[in-house]
Every structure is written in structure tokens, then in C-alpha cells.
Amino acid sequence: MSPVIHLTTALGSSLIIILIFINYLGKFNADDFQRKLFLTLLGAALAAIITELIGHSIEGKSGSGVRSFLYVINSLFLIAQNTTFYLSAAFIDYFARKNAQRTKKFIIAIVIFLALYSVSVIINAFYGFYFTISDNQYTPGTHYNLRLIISYSSILLIMINLLISVKQFERSQVYLIILFFLITGAGAAIDIVIEDSSLLWPCFTAAGLYLYFFVIQSDLKIDSLTRIGNRASFNDYVEKISRQSSRQEYAIVMIDMDKFKEINDTLGHLEGDNALRDVSSIIKGCIRASDFAARYGGDEFVLATKADSDIQRLMDRIMSAINLQNERQERPYQLYISYGYDIYRAGDSIPEFLTKIDEMMYKQKAERKAKGIPSSITSKLPNYRGPAVSNV
């Protein structure tokens, strides 16, 4: 392929990646772990594109040190390329599951694999099993196919991850992963068949751009404080289940924090924010991956699960987790909630249903107030033991 075409495709891909990088760098309302992972992925992709461009630019040039430089630049390209592909697999895993601990373990495995691969790339300079440099030209090595298998096994990982856990992915996420696979895979396949083509990175960039728009759209439905869904995501959720033709029923719960104003007025809004985060964290820790949770507004939360689940048992788990945190008295505040729930059936009026469970929640709140809700300030409780003293 003409050097001009290589230059054009590389510069076009690089420019798009740089613009995405700069734009996402300022998205501080986004999931911080997701943001760092995506930015690292974009950095690796940019490094791969640039090193490949440099390699194509100096191939066949004469001069001392060109051969050694080509070995170095092509080795860096292989490492950056594989880093990009395998981080893509890690990113898609996290984006779909939102399980940071799982993805971190995945990344550790990737880092170990890439370290071993990097060692093999360095050894390649002596044995030429991946590639050799003859007359200052890149030539595939005796085990070139092994390099291709290593590079594109990441796409296989993405598809295996999708197939074994398809029920945990939303339909839109499944479509996203398949499209990412098809676009990137098509570019890679053409580059393999037509050795001197340069379609991988434009195809990868196109898939990455689509992924970026999908990520941004998803971030708009995440509450920036509690990192669970926001009201817009809940509205989308109930609209979707209201249009279902199946007879699937859902239990929807409206939750309101009691004595939240006392936390804000006495301890300040920073502790109030911490209290909101604590409640959302407890809810997330008690529900299943297939359940839905969102911050409805202010100090109100909403969660939904299929009606065949034991909703009262779920709420008992949430109450137990809240009581356990309160008993430890590690926070300057106590958490109390009231809630109301009912079964939603497709076709029911959404506004009327939400009004109904809201009234049920306020009825429980009124009953709790009549019995007397303790102070939300830990130090005001009769059994307050004082702050924990470290023995260190």
C-alpha cells in the first residue's frame, strides 16, 4: 500500500483517538475506574498506530542504525497492539458487568501475560520467530501465525465472555459487543489476507468511536454521587417493562431516608453525601445483577426485581445491612429508611403505580415517626460508645 495511504489512515485514526481522549479526560462525572481504563486503552491504541506509522515510514531507508531502530519500533508496535486488544476485552467486561474487583483480577492476568509476551518480543530480535528485518524491510518470521493468534485471541476472549454470561448483559450491550467484534475483526481479517493493507486501525477507531458514544450515553443515566442509576434511567426502565408483551411481573420499591435532614443540618452536606453513598452501596450489595436500582431524587431510592423473587426477603437483607452498619457506630450518623412496594404488571399506569408505592412508603414513615425514630446523629444516641480508639 502507498505510504501516503498509510499516513492518511494513521493520522485520521490518531486524530479521532486524541479527540476522544481529550473529551473523556474531562468527564469527571463518569465512573472513575471506567474512565481510567478507557483512557489507558486509548493511549495504547495511539501508541500502536504511531509506532506502526513510524515503522512504515522508515522501512527500506538506508543509513546506520536503521535496522536496529526498525527492530525496536516494530517490537513496541507489537506490545502496544496487544495491550490495546486485551485492554479492550477488560474494558468491555467491566462496562457490561460493573464489577471492578473482577475486572482488576482480569487486568492482573493481562499484565502478567503482556509481560511474558514482551519478553518473547525482545527475544525475537535474536531468533526472528515473529518477524525479521532484512535489507531494512519488515519480513514475517517463521512463527508469524503464532503472533496473529496471540494478537487476536483477545477478540475470542470477548466473544467467550459474552456467550457464557449473556444473561448478565443488557441487549444493547450485546449488540455493542457484537458490532465491536465485527468491525474490528473485519479490519484485522482484511489486513491478514491483504498483507499490505492498513484497515485494522480505521476499523478499530470506528468501533471505538461507537463504543465511546455508547459509554457517554450510559454515563448520562448514572447518578454522579452514588454511582447507581438516576431518575432518567429508572424512567427508561419502567417504560421498557411497561411495553413488554410477556406476563412477567416486577416488584418495585420506593425507599426514602428518614432523618436525612438532621444529618445535613448537623453534620453538613459532605456527611449527607456520604450517607447517600452508604445507602446506595448497601442496596447494590444486596441486590442481584439482574435487579435494578436508582437514586430517584434527593434522599429517595427505587429498586426493582422480578416478582417471582422474594421482595420482602430482599428488603430484610437491606434492613439488616443498615442495622449492622448502625451498630458498629463507625459513622457520625445513623441510617434509617422507610419503604413501600407493590407488584407492577405490564399495562398498568406508571404514574398511578408510582403514586401508590410512594403513598405506601409515606404511610410506613408516618407509622415509624409515631413510634419514635432515634436521632440520626450517632453521638446523641443513649448507647453511644464514643469513637473507636486505635491500639496502634
Protein backbone atom coordinates (compact mmCIF):
# COMPACT_ATOMS: atom_id res chain seq x y z
CA MET A 1 0.00 0.00 0.00
CA SER A 2 1.15 3.53 -0.74
CA PRO A 3 2.96 5.32 2.13
CA VAL A 4 0.54 8.22 1.59
CA ILE A 5 -2.44 5.94 2.30
CA HIS A 6 -0.70 4.54 5.40
CA LEU A 7 -0.06 8.12 6.54
CA THR A 8 -3.67 9.19 5.87
CA THR A 9 -5.29 6.27 7.70
CA ALA A 10 -2.86 6.58 10.63
CA LEU A 11 -3.34 10.33 11.02
CA GLY A 12 -7.13 10.04 10.69
CA SER A 13 -7.30 7.30 13.32
CA SER A 14 -4.87 9.15 15.61
CA LEU A 15 -6.85 12.38 15.41
CA ILE A 16 -10.13 10.67 16.34
CA ILE A 17 -8.49 8.86 19.27
CA ILE A 18 -6.86 12.07 20.52
CA LEU A 19 -10.19 13.94 20.37
CA ILE A 20 -11.97 11.14 22.25
CA PHE A 21 -9.14 11.07 24.81
CA ILE A 22 -9.29 14.84 25.44
CA ASN A 23 -13.08 14.85 25.67
CA TYR A 24 -13.32 11.87 28.04
CA LEU A 25 -10.43 13.17 30.16
CA GLY A 26 -12.74 15.94 31.37
CA LYS A 27 -15.71 13.69 32.15
CA PHE A 28 -15.25 13.80 35.93
CA ASN A 29 -18.87 12.75 36.49
CA ALA A 30 -18.04 9.41 34.85
CA ASP A 31 -17.15 6.20 36.65
CA ASP A 32 -13.53 6.87 37.66
CA PHE A 33 -12.33 3.28 37.21
CA GLN A 34 -14.05 3.02 33.84
CA ARG A 35 -12.60 6.39 32.78
CA LYS A 36 -9.03 5.44 33.67
CA LEU A 37 -9.34 2.07 31.94
CA PHE A 38 -10.76 3.62 28.76
CA LEU A 39 -8.10 6.36 28.70
CA THR A 40 -5.34 3.75 29.11
CA LEU A 41 -6.88 1.75 26.27
CA LEU A 42 -6.92 4.83 24.03
CA GLY A 43 -3.30 5.63 24.94
CA ALA A 44 -2.19 2.12 23.99
CA ALA A 45 -4.10 2.34 20.68
CA LEU A 46 -2.47 5.67 19.87
CA ALA A 47 0.98 4.25 20.67
CA ALA A 48 0.30 1.28 18.36
CA ILE A 49 -0.82 3.50 15.48
CA ILE A 50 2.14 5.85 15.82
CA THR A 51 4.75 3.08 16.08
CA GLU A 52 3.26 1.29 13.07
CA LEU A 53 3.32 4.55 11.09
CA ILE A 54 6.95 5.20 12.02
CA GLY A 55 7.86 1.65 11.03
CA HIS A 56 6.23 2.02 7.61
CA SER A 57 7.87 5.43 7.14
CA ILE A 58 11.46 4.28 7.62
CA GLU A 59 11.22 0.83 6.03
CA GLY A 60 13.75 0.46 3.21
CA LYS A 61 15.66 3.58 4.23
CA SER A 62 19.42 3.38 4.20
CA GLY A 63 21.66 4.51 6.97
CA SER A 64 23.41 3.23 10.06
CA GLY A 65 21.17 2.15 12.87
CA VAL A 66 18.01 1.85 10.71
CA ARG A 67 17.87 -1.93 11.12
CA SER A 68 18.17 -1.72 14.92
CA PHE A 69 15.62 1.08 15.07
CA LEU A 70 13.17 -0.96 12.99
CA TYR A 71 13.53 -3.86 15.42
CA VAL A 72 12.78 -1.54 18.33
CA ILE A 73 9.84 0.26 16.71
CA ASN A 74 8.21 -2.95 15.44
CA SER A 75 8.66 -4.58 18.85
CA LEU A 76 6.99 -1.59 20.53
CA PHE A 77 4.19 -1.81 17.98
CA LEU A 78 3.50 -5.48 18.79
CA ILE A 79 3.41 -4.78 22.53
CA ALA A 80 1.16 -1.69 22.11
CA GLN A 81 -1.15 -3.54 19.73
CA ASN A 82 -1.67 -6.45 22.10
CA THR A 83 -2.08 -4.10 25.05
CA THR A 84 -4.85 -2.33 23.12
CA PHE A 85 -6.66 -5.53 22.20
CA TYR A 86 -6.53 -7.12 25.65
CA LEU A 87 -7.46 -3.89 27.45
CA SER A 88 -10.45 -3.73 25.09
CA ALA A 89 -11.52 -7.13 26.42
CA ALA A 90 -11.08 -5.91 30.02
CA PHE A 91 -12.98 -2.68 29.32
CA ILE A 92 -15.94 -4.45 27.75
CA ASP A 93 -16.00 -6.89 30.68
CA TYR A 94 -16.20 -4.01 33.18
CA PHE A 95 -18.59 -1.90 31.10
CA ALA A 96 -21.07 -4.77 30.94
CA ARG A 97 -20.72 -6.12 34.48
CA LYS A 98 -19.65 -3.06 36.51
CA ASN A 99 -17.63 -5.37 38.77
CA ALA A 100 -14.36 -3.56 39.48
CA GLN A 101 -12.87 -6.39 41.57
CA ARG A 102 -13.47 -8.93 38.82
CA THR A 103 -12.02 -6.64 36.13
CA LYS A 104 -8.97 -5.81 38.27
CA LYS A 105 -8.21 -9.54 38.54
CA PHE A 106 -8.68 -9.76 34.77
CA ILE A 107 -6.24 -6.86 34.29
CA ILE A 108 -3.64 -8.51 36.56
CA ALA A 109 -3.81 -11.63 34.38
CA ILE A 110 -3.47 -9.43 31.28
CA VAL A 111 -0.43 -7.61 32.71
CA ILE A 112 1.29 -10.91 33.51
CA PHE A 113 0.52 -12.22 30.01
CA LEU A 114 1.73 -9.00 28.35
CA ALA A 115 4.94 -9.05 30.42
CA LEU A 116 5.69 -12.58 29.21
CA TYR A 117 4.77 -11.58 25.66
CA SER A 118 7.08 -8.55 25.87
CA VAL A 119 9.93 -10.84 26.88
CA SER A 120 9.22 -13.05 23.85
CA VAL A 121 9.23 -9.94 21.61
CA ILE A 122 12.65 -8.94 22.96
CA ILE A 123 13.96 -12.49 22.36
CA ASN A 124 12.56 -12.25 18.82
CA ALA A 125 15.37 -9.81 17.97
CA PHE A 126 17.81 -12.75 18.27
CA TYR A 127 15.73 -15.59 16.80
CA GLY A 128 13.28 -13.88 14.42
CA PHE A 129 10.28 -16.10 15.09
CA TYR A 130 7.77 -13.19 14.96
CA PHE A 131 9.50 -11.03 12.36
CA THR A 132 12.93 -10.26 10.93
CA ILE A 133 14.45 -7.17 9.35
CA SER A 134 16.17 -7.92 6.04
CA ASP A 135 17.60 -5.05 3.96
CA ASN A 136 15.81 -2.73 6.35
CA GLN A 137 12.45 -4.28 5.41
CA TYR A 138 9.98 -5.97 7.74
CA THR A 139 9.61 -9.70 6.97
CA PRO A 140 7.22 -12.10 8.76
CA GLY A 141 9.11 -14.67 10.85
CA THR A 142 8.83 -18.45 10.98
CA HIS A 143 6.12 -18.26 13.69
CA TYR A 144 4.23 -15.29 12.28
CA ASN A 145 0.94 -17.17 12.64
CA LEU A 146 1.61 -17.53 16.37
CA ARG A 147 1.83 -13.75 16.62
CA LEU A 148 -1.53 -13.43 14.89
CA ILE A 149 -3.10 -15.99 17.24
CA ILE A 150 -1.75 -14.17 20.30
CA SER A 151 -2.91 -10.77 19.00
CA TYR A 152 -6.43 -11.73 18.01
CA SER A 153 -7.18 -14.16 20.83
CA SER A 154 -8.42 -11.10 22.71
CA ILE A 155 -11.39 -10.89 20.34
CA LEU A 156 -12.08 -14.55 21.11
CA LEU A 157 -11.98 -13.69 24.84
CA ILE A 158 -14.61 -11.01 24.30
CA MET A 159 -16.92 -13.43 22.50
CA ILE A 160 -16.43 -16.22 25.08
CA ASN A 161 -17.17 -13.72 27.86
CA LEU A 162 -20.36 -12.76 26.04
CA LEU A 163 -21.50 -16.32 25.38
CA ILE A 164 -21.00 -17.68 28.92
CA SER A 165 -22.60 -14.65 30.60
CA VAL A 166 -25.13 -13.48 28.03
CA LYS A 167 -27.94 -13.32 30.63
CA GLN A 168 -25.98 -10.72 32.65
CA PHE A 169 -25.65 -8.38 29.66
CA GLU A 170 -28.32 -5.97 28.51
CA ARG A 171 -29.50 -6.43 24.95
CA SER A 172 -27.96 -3.11 23.88
CA GLN A 173 -24.62 -4.22 25.36
CA VAL A 174 -24.77 -7.50 23.44
CA TYR A 175 -25.32 -5.57 20.20
CA LEU A 176 -22.43 -3.26 21.09
CA ILE A 177 -20.01 -6.14 21.71
CA ILE A 178 -21.02 -7.96 18.52
CA LEU A 179 -20.64 -4.77 16.47
CA PHE A 180 -17.24 -4.04 18.06
CA PHE A 181 -16.17 -7.58 17.25
CA LEU A 182 -17.42 -7.46 13.66
CA ILE A 183 -15.90 -4.08 12.77
CA THR A 184 -12.51 -4.72 14.40
CA GLY A 185 -12.43 -8.34 13.25
CA ALA A 186 -13.21 -7.33 9.66
CA GLY A 187 -10.30 -4.87 9.61
CA ALA A 188 -7.95 -7.45 11.12
CA ALA A 189 -9.07 -10.16 8.65
CA ILE A 190 -8.53 -7.89 5.64
CA ASP A 191 -5.05 -6.95 6.90
CA ILE A 192 -4.17 -10.63 7.28
CA VAL A 193 -5.45 -11.61 3.82
CA ILE A 194 -4.13 -8.50 2.07
CA GLU A 195 -0.72 -8.23 3.70
CA ASP A 196 -0.01 -4.63 2.74
CA SER A 197 -3.43 -3.21 3.61
CA SER A 198 -3.96 -0.85 6.53
CA LEU A 199 -7.59 -1.19 7.63
CA LEU A 200 -7.23 -2.51 11.18
CA TRP A 201 -6.82 0.84 12.92
CA PRO A 202 -9.50 2.74 10.96
CA CYS A 203 -11.90 -0.12 11.74
CA PHE A 204 -10.80 -0.21 15.39
CA THR A 205 -11.22 3.57 15.64
CA ALA A 206 -14.71 3.39 14.13
CA ALA A 207 -15.67 0.67 16.64
CA GLY A 208 -14.04 2.68 19.45
CA LEU A 209 -15.96 5.81 18.45
CA TYR A 210 -19.24 3.90 18.57
CA LEU A 211 -18.22 2.44 21.94
CA TYR A 212 -17.43 5.96 23.21
CA PHE A 213 -20.85 7.32 22.24
CA PHE A 214 -22.43 4.31 23.96
CA VAL A 215 -20.36 4.96 27.11
CA ILE A 216 -21.30 8.64 27.18
CA GLN A 217 -24.98 7.80 26.72
CA SER A 218 -24.75 5.29 29.57
CA ASP A 219 -22.97 7.78 31.84
CA LEU A 220 -25.87 10.19 31.40
CA LYS A 221 -28.05 7.61 33.15
CA ILE A 222 -25.73 7.22 36.16
CA ASP A 223 -26.12 9.31 39.30
CA SER A 224 -22.77 11.07 39.72
CA LEU A 225 -22.87 10.96 43.54
CA THR A 226 -23.99 7.41 44.31
CA ARG A 227 -22.83 5.69 41.07
CA ILE A 228 -26.14 3.87 40.64
CA GLY A 229 -28.88 4.69 38.12
CA ASN A 230 -30.54 8.09 38.12
CA ARG A 231 -34.16 9.06 37.57
CA ALA A 232 -33.75 9.10 33.79
CA SER A 233 -32.50 5.50 33.84
CA PHE A 234 -35.46 4.48 36.02
CA ASN A 235 -37.90 6.17 33.65
CA ASP A 236 -36.37 4.23 30.77
CA TYR A 237 -36.55 1.02 32.79
CA VAL A 238 -40.24 1.27 33.67
CA GLU A 239 -41.12 2.38 30.13
CA LYS A 240 -39.38 -0.72 28.81
CA ILE A 241 -41.10 -3.17 31.16
CA SER A 242 -44.46 -1.47 30.58
CA ARG A 243 -44.23 -2.32 26.88
CA GLN A 244 -43.38 -5.99 27.38
CA SER A 245 -45.80 -8.43 25.79
CA SER A 246 -44.91 -11.18 28.27
CA ARG A 247 -46.73 -11.63 31.56
CA GLN A 248 -43.57 -11.00 33.58
CA GLU A 249 -44.35 -9.00 36.73
CA TYR A 250 -41.97 -6.82 38.71
CA ALA A 251 -41.76 -5.79 42.34
CA ILE A 252 -40.85 -2.10 42.55
CA VAL A 253 -39.82 -0.50 45.84
CA MET A 254 -39.71 3.18 46.75
CA ILE A 255 -37.22 3.93 49.54
CA ASP A 256 -36.83 7.17 51.48
CA MET A 257 -34.15 8.02 54.07
CA ASP A 258 -35.53 9.04 57.47
CA LYS A 259 -33.89 11.85 59.45
CA PHE A 260 -31.70 12.76 56.45
CA LYS A 261 -32.28 16.49 57.01
CA GLU A 262 -30.86 16.12 60.53
CA ILE A 263 -27.61 14.71 59.08
CA ASN A 264 -27.31 17.61 56.62
CA ASP A 265 -28.21 20.30 59.17
CA THR A 266 -25.99 18.96 61.98
CA LEU A 267 -23.02 17.39 60.19
CA GLY A 268 -23.06 19.26 56.89
CA HIS A 269 -23.72 18.30 53.29
CA LEU A 270 -20.47 16.33 52.90
CA GLU A 271 -21.62 13.83 55.51
CA GLY A 272 -25.06 13.93 53.94
CA ASP A 273 -23.46 12.90 50.66
CA ASN A 274 -21.61 10.09 52.46
CA ALA A 275 -24.91 8.88 53.91
CA LEU A 276 -26.45 8.76 50.43
CA ARG A 277 -23.42 6.82 49.17
CA ASP A 278 -23.70 4.40 52.08
CA VAL A 279 -27.36 3.65 51.37
CA SER A 280 -26.69 3.14 47.66
CA SER A 281 -23.72 0.90 48.45
CA ILE A 282 -25.83 -1.22 50.81
CA ILE A 283 -28.58 -1.54 48.18
CA LYS A 284 -26.06 -2.53 45.49
CA GLY A 285 -24.53 -5.08 47.82
CA CYS A 286 -27.88 -6.75 48.50
CA ILE A 287 -29.43 -6.94 45.02
CA ARG A 288 -28.59 -9.30 42.16
CA ALA A 289 -27.00 -8.34 38.84
CA SER A 290 -30.39 -8.74 37.14
CA ASP A 291 -32.10 -6.33 39.58
CA PHE A 292 -32.34 -2.58 39.07
CA ALA A 293 -31.52 0.24 41.49
CA ALA A 294 -31.51 4.01 41.09
CA ARG A 295 -31.48 7.23 43.04
CA TYR A 296 -34.95 8.60 42.36
CA GLY A 297 -34.14 12.09 43.63
CA GLY A 298 -32.89 13.76 46.80
CA ASP A 299 -32.84 11.09 49.50
CA GLU A 300 -35.21 8.73 47.66
CA PHE A 301 -34.14 5.48 46.00
CA VAL A 302 -36.00 2.97 43.89
CA LEU A 303 -35.25 -0.66 43.14
CA ALA A 304 -36.96 -3.28 41.01
CA THR A 305 -36.76 -7.04 40.76
CA LYS A 306 -38.79 -9.77 39.12
CA ALA A 307 -41.92 -10.54 41.09
CA ASP A 308 -41.00 -14.19 41.50
CA SER A 309 -38.17 -13.04 43.78
CA ASP A 310 -38.96 -12.68 47.47
CA ILE A 311 -39.08 -8.89 47.69
CA GLN A 312 -39.69 -8.83 51.44
CA ARG A 313 -36.66 -11.04 51.98
CA LEU A 314 -34.60 -8.62 49.87
CA MET A 315 -35.77 -5.66 51.94
CA ASP A 316 -34.99 -7.60 55.13
CA ARG A 317 -31.42 -8.07 53.86
CA ILE A 318 -31.13 -4.36 53.19
CA MET A 319 -32.50 -3.50 56.64
CA SER A 320 -30.11 -5.98 58.28
CA ALA A 321 -27.14 -4.43 56.45
CA ILE A 322 -28.22 -0.95 57.56
CA ASN A 323 -28.69 -2.09 61.17
CA LEU A 324 -25.28 -3.75 61.14
CA GLN A 325 -23.62 -0.52 59.99
CA ASN A 326 -25.50 1.46 62.66
CA GLU A 327 -24.47 -0.99 65.41
CA ARG A 328 -20.81 -0.50 64.60
CA GLN A 329 -21.19 3.25 65.21
CA GLU A 330 -18.22 3.90 62.92
CA ARG A 331 -20.05 6.77 61.22
CA PRO A 332 -21.09 10.05 62.88
CA TYR A 333 -24.61 9.32 61.63
CA GLN A 334 -27.18 6.53 61.72
CA LEU A 335 -29.12 5.35 58.68
CA TYR A 336 -32.89 4.84 58.77
CA ILE A 337 -35.20 4.15 55.86
CA SER A 338 -38.90 3.75 55.13
CA TYR A 339 -40.19 1.96 52.07
CA GLY A 340 -43.27 0.89 50.15
CA TYR A 341 -43.62 -1.64 47.36
CA ASP A 342 -46.12 -3.37 45.12
CA ILE A 343 -46.24 -5.60 42.04
CA TYR A 344 -46.15 -3.84 38.68
CA ARG A 345 -47.82 -5.52 35.70
CA ALA A 346 -47.32 -4.53 32.06
CA GLY A 347 -50.13 -2.21 31.04
CA ASP A 348 -50.59 -0.64 34.48
CA SER A 349 -50.47 3.15 34.55
CA ILE A 350 -46.93 4.10 35.54
CA PRO A 351 -47.82 7.44 37.24
CA GLU A 352 -50.61 5.82 39.24
CA PHE A 353 -48.38 2.92 40.28
CA LEU A 354 -45.57 5.22 41.42
CA THR A 355 -48.04 7.37 43.36
CA LYS A 356 -49.35 4.21 45.03
CA ILE A 357 -45.97 2.93 46.27
CA ASP A 358 -44.96 6.46 47.23
CA GLU A 359 -48.06 6.69 49.45
CA MET A 360 -47.26 3.27 50.94
CA MET A 361 -43.76 4.45 51.74
CA TYR A 362 -45.01 7.63 53.44
CA LYS A 363 -47.55 5.59 55.39
CA GLN A 364 -44.75 3.46 56.80
CA LYS A 365 -42.72 6.60 57.53
CA ALA A 366 -45.64 8.09 59.47
CA GLU A 367 -46.01 4.86 61.48
CA ARG A 368 -42.30 4.87 62.29
CA LYS A 369 -42.42 8.52 63.36
CA ALA A 370 -45.36 7.78 65.65
CA LYS A 371 -43.28 5.11 67.39
CA GLY A 372 -40.30 7.46 67.58
CA ILE A 373 -37.26 7.32 65.29
CA PRO A 374 -33.96 7.78 67.18
CA SER A 375 -31.64 10.65 66.35
CA SER A 376 -29.60 10.19 63.19
CA ILE A 377 -26.56 11.69 64.96
CA THR A 378 -24.57 8.81 66.47
CA SER A 379 -23.18 10.84 69.38
CA LYS A 380 -26.73 11.64 70.55
CA LEU A 381 -27.71 8.00 70.99
CA PRO A 382 -28.09 6.73 74.58
CA ASN A 383 -25.80 3.75 73.91
CA TYR A 384 -23.09 5.76 72.15
CA ARG A 385 -19.72 4.23 73.00
CA GLY A 386 -17.55 7.02 71.68
CA PRO A 387 -15.13 6.93 68.73
CA ALA A 388 -13.08 3.79 68.26
CA VAL A 389 -9.58 4.05 69.78
CA SER A 390 -6.70 2.54 67.80
CA ASN A 391 -4.30 0.28 69.71
CA VAL A 392 -1.51 1.03 67.27
